[in-house]
Structure formats: C-alpha cells, structure tokens
Protein backbone atom coordinates (compact mmCIF):
# COMPACT_ATOMS: atom_id res chain seq x y z
CA MET A 1 63.64 27.31 -54.83
CA MET A 2 62.53 28.69 -51.47
CA LYS A 3 61.03 26.52 -48.99
CA SER A 4 58.03 27.77 -47.11
CA THR A 5 56.60 26.92 -43.83
CA ASP A 6 53.44 25.23 -43.49
CA ASN A 7 50.89 27.11 -41.66
CA ASN A 8 47.67 25.38 -42.07
CA PHE A 9 47.42 23.02 -39.41
CA SER A 10 48.08 19.59 -41.04
CA GLY A 11 48.39 16.41 -38.70
CA ALA A 12 49.58 16.70 -35.56
CA GLY A 13 49.81 20.37 -35.39
CA ARG A 14 46.14 20.58 -36.58
CA ARG A 15 44.83 18.42 -33.73
CA LYS A 16 46.55 20.43 -31.11
CA GLY A 17 45.11 23.65 -32.57
CA ILE A 18 41.64 22.17 -32.25
CA LEU A 19 42.08 20.91 -29.05
CA ALA A 20 43.50 24.09 -27.52
CA VAL A 21 40.35 26.16 -29.11
CA LEU A 22 37.96 23.31 -27.89
CA LEU A 23 39.57 23.59 -24.06
CA ALA A 24 39.51 27.27 -24.23
CA ALA A 25 35.85 27.46 -25.38
CA ILE A 26 34.77 24.89 -22.65
CA PHE A 27 36.81 26.96 -19.83
CA SER A 28 36.20 30.31 -20.88
CA PRO A 29 33.30 32.21 -18.49
CA ALA A 30 31.22 32.87 -21.25
CA ALA A 31 30.86 28.49 -21.53
CA VAL A 32 30.31 28.33 -18.04
CA SER A 33 26.70 29.43 -16.96
CA ASP A 34 25.18 28.35 -13.70
CA ILE A 35 22.07 26.67 -14.13
CA GLY A 36 21.03 25.91 -10.31
CA SER A 37 21.29 23.50 -8.13
CA ILE A 38 18.58 20.43 -8.03
CA ASN A 39 17.98 18.74 -4.94
CA LEU A 40 17.17 14.85 -5.70
CA ILE A 41 16.02 12.65 -3.11
CA MET A 42 15.12 8.90 -3.72
CA LYS A 43 13.98 6.23 -1.62
CA ALA A 44 13.52 2.72 -1.93
CA ASN A 45 12.40 -0.36 -0.13
CA LEU A 46 12.93 -3.53 -1.53
CA VAL A 47 11.52 -6.50 0.22
CA SER A 48 12.60 -10.18 -0.39
CA ASN A 49 10.58 -11.45 2.27
CA ALA A 50 7.07 -10.53 0.62
CA CYS A 51 4.59 -13.31 -0.16
CA THR A 52 2.06 -13.98 -2.85
CA ILE A 53 -1.77 -13.26 -1.99
CA THR A 54 -3.86 -16.26 -3.80
CA PRO A 55 -5.68 -15.16 -5.92
CA GLY A 56 -9.07 -16.23 -4.41
CA THR A 57 -8.51 -13.72 -1.74
CA MET A 58 -6.84 -10.84 -3.15
CA ASN A 59 -10.09 -9.28 -4.10
CA GLN A 60 -13.27 -10.42 -2.36
CA THR A 61 -16.69 -10.31 -0.97
CA VAL A 62 -17.19 -10.82 2.32
CA ASP A 63 -21.22 -12.05 2.61
CA LEU A 64 -22.34 -11.22 6.23
CA GLY A 65 -26.00 -12.61 5.43
CA THR A 66 -29.51 -11.45 6.13
CA TRP A 67 -30.63 -9.96 9.62
CA ALA A 68 -33.73 -9.32 11.11
CA VAL A 69 -33.10 -5.28 12.73
CA LYS A 70 -34.72 -6.85 15.98
CA GLN A 71 -31.05 -8.83 16.32
CA PHE A 72 -29.71 -5.38 16.95
CA GLN A 73 -31.79 -4.57 20.35
CA GLU A 74 -30.07 -6.97 22.34
CA THR A 75 -26.67 -6.69 23.97
CA PRO A 76 -23.98 -7.20 22.41
CA ARG A 77 -25.63 -4.78 19.68
CA GLY A 78 -24.28 -6.66 16.51
CA VAL A 79 -24.66 -10.61 14.70
CA PRO A 80 -22.53 -13.09 14.93
CA PRO A 81 -19.20 -12.62 13.07
CA LYS A 82 -18.27 -13.88 9.49
CA ARG A 83 -14.70 -15.63 9.30
CA PHE A 84 -12.91 -14.84 6.00
CA THR A 85 -8.77 -15.40 5.27
CA ILE A 86 -6.19 -13.61 3.32
CA ASN A 87 -3.96 -16.90 2.13
CA LEU A 88 -0.40 -16.16 1.41
CA ILE A 89 1.61 -18.44 -0.40
CA ASP A 90 5.87 -18.40 -1.33
CA CYS A 91 6.49 -16.60 1.64
CA GLY A 92 10.46 -15.28 1.28
CA PRO A 93 12.98 -17.49 3.49
CA LEU A 94 13.53 -14.60 6.32
CA ALA A 95 10.03 -13.84 6.75
CA ALA A 96 8.95 -13.82 10.12
CA GLY A 97 5.74 -12.31 10.43
CA VAL A 98 3.04 -9.96 8.73
CA LYS A 99 0.79 -7.09 9.95
CA VAL A 100 -2.57 -5.88 8.04
CA THR A 101 -3.93 -3.04 7.39
CA PHE A 102 -7.16 -2.37 6.62
CA SER A 103 -8.05 0.84 5.43
CA GLY A 104 -11.64 2.75 4.71
CA THR A 105 -13.93 5.40 6.60
CA ALA A 106 -14.68 4.96 9.96
CA ASP A 107 -17.89 5.26 11.37
CA SER A 108 -18.86 8.76 12.74
CA VAL A 109 -20.21 7.45 15.29
CA ASN A 110 -18.26 4.82 16.45
CA ASN A 111 -14.79 4.96 14.97
CA THR A 112 -13.75 1.39 15.40
CA LEU A 113 -16.36 0.47 12.92
CA PHE A 114 -16.53 0.94 9.01
CA LYS A 115 -19.02 3.05 7.94
CA LEU A 116 -21.83 1.97 5.34
CA ASP A 117 -21.13 3.11 2.28
CA ALA A 118 -22.88 6.05 0.02
CA GLY A 119 -25.47 3.38 -1.33
CA SER A 120 -26.38 1.29 1.35
CA THR A 121 -30.08 2.04 3.03
CA ALA A 122 -29.91 0.63 6.54
CA THR A 123 -29.19 2.90 9.42
CA ASN A 124 -27.57 3.19 12.91
CA LEU A 125 -25.01 0.58 11.81
CA GLY A 126 -21.10 -0.46 10.93
CA ILE A 127 -19.20 -3.31 10.09
CA SER A 128 -16.40 -4.36 12.28
CA ILE A 129 -13.41 -6.23 11.26
CA LEU A 130 -11.58 -8.55 13.99
CA ASP A 131 -8.00 -10.59 13.94
CA ARG A 132 -7.82 -13.74 14.51
CA ASN A 133 -8.34 -13.55 18.19
CA LYS A 134 -11.74 -11.75 17.60
CA ASN A 135 -10.46 -8.69 18.69
CA THR A 136 -11.74 -4.98 16.98
CA VAL A 137 -9.04 -3.94 14.50
CA LYS A 138 -10.19 -0.09 13.86
CA PRO A 139 -9.62 1.44 10.54
CA ASN A 140 -6.71 2.52 8.91
CA THR A 141 -5.06 0.64 12.14
CA GLU A 142 -2.19 -2.30 11.79
CA THR A 143 -3.47 -5.88 13.24
CA ILE A 144 -1.26 -7.86 15.43
CA VAL A 145 1.73 -9.77 13.94
CA TYR A 146 0.58 -12.63 12.09
CA PRO A 147 3.75 -15.30 12.18
CA LEU A 148 5.00 -16.64 8.82
CA TYR A 149 6.59 -19.76 8.02
CA PRO A 150 8.90 -20.03 5.27
CA ASP A 151 8.20 -23.48 3.92
CA ALA A 152 4.56 -23.44 4.33
CA THR A 153 2.71 -24.26 1.52
CA ASN A 154 -0.40 -21.88 2.22
CA ILE A 155 -0.87 -19.69 5.63
CA PRO A 156 -4.09 -18.33 5.94
CA LEU A 157 -4.43 -15.11 7.85
CA GLU A 158 -7.80 -15.47 9.69
CA PHE A 159 -10.17 -12.33 10.10
CA TYR A 160 -13.99 -11.75 10.94
CA ALA A 161 -16.22 -9.19 9.80
CA GLN A 162 -19.62 -8.60 11.73
CA TYR A 163 -22.39 -5.64 11.56
CA VAL A 164 -22.53 -3.55 14.45
CA ALA A 165 -25.57 -1.00 15.53
CA THR A 166 -24.20 2.61 16.77
CA GLY A 167 -27.22 3.44 17.92
CA ASN A 168 -31.34 3.23 17.94
CA PRO A 169 -33.00 1.82 16.22
CA VAL A 170 -31.53 0.24 13.40
CA GLY A 171 -33.42 0.80 10.08
CA ALA A 172 -33.60 -2.11 7.42
CA GLY A 173 -31.87 -1.51 4.04
CA THR A 174 -28.48 -2.61 2.78
CA ALA A 175 -25.53 -2.71 4.62
CA ASN A 176 -22.02 -2.45 2.73
CA SER A 177 -19.01 -1.48 3.21
CA GLN A 178 -15.03 -1.17 1.61
CA ALA A 179 -12.03 -1.78 2.98
CA THR A 180 -8.75 -1.97 1.30
CA PHE A 181 -5.89 -4.14 2.78
CA THR A 182 -2.19 -3.75 2.91
CA LEU A 183 0.46 -6.16 3.96
CA GLU A 184 3.79 -4.74 6.03
CA TYR A 185 6.16 -7.64 6.16
CA LEU A 186 8.63 -8.27 9.64
C-alpha cells in the first residue's frame, strides 16, 4: 500500500495557507487605494464653573411702562430706567465672575441703543440697556464683570432698561425690542 501526501491543507497547514493568501491580498497594490485625506479639527469648551439661571429670569419681559411723548422733549431725552435682573444659582466652586452680552439689532441713528422691532409703531425711539452702575451696554458688547460667589444661593445680575429718543419729534405708538443674553464665565 502506498502512502500519499496530504495536499488538501487540513489542520495547521490549512490555516497557514489561508493566512498567507489573506496577507497577500491585503498588501497587494490592487488592494491598497488612496481614498484621500481628511483634515478633522475638533474644538470644545468645557466649563465647570457655570451657574444655573433661575427659570423666572431666563425668559422675561421688561415692561417699560406708558409714557407721554412730551417726556422726551427735555434733556436727557429719556425716561427713568426700569430695573431687571438675571438671577444665577448653583455656581461652580471656581466661579469668579461673569460678563453678559445682550445680542440684538442696534439702532441706526444711535448704535448704543437697541432698535425697535418691525411691529413697533412709535418713531424716533430706541431702548437702552444699562449695567448695575447705570452705564450703557451697547448691543452685542460685553458688560462689566459681575462678581460670582460660589457659596451664594442666589446671585442677582442687576440691569436697567429705558426708552431713549433718537430724534425729533418722538411719535406715539408701541415701542418693543428684543435682546438675547449670553453669559461668559471667568
């Protein structure tokens, strides 16, 4: 009886053969193609010192009242400011301060004022936002730094809003504007 050699690649020999074929396929010039390069830029800003804005001051309407147009004929050509606050709670342990930016459309006559919205019927009037020291905060500009105290349970950021004349005469009607605020923690 003749003994034949096993050429069907069974067992360890078969595994080596399959591995050799796979390696040849992977590293062959036909299997490697240039698919181009990708430039991936990832950016992040992680903040551990943020505070929580109390729900009652997150979205608020500041009622500036009803005024006679003759009120704007005298200098200064505005009405008394109305106080409003943004209340912060649960500030991070390293929180030192915060700046606020009120974003909105600046008035075309006086860029320190917020322009009245398209639905307003009053004329020659804008709205001014003031910081806690009653200094004007221009639209889309950071405020002064408001200090934060990590152990405080409620930190009110105090602001004011007021109507200011932008020309003569001030025309009667509705006078509304919108601003969105952003907080930058320091």
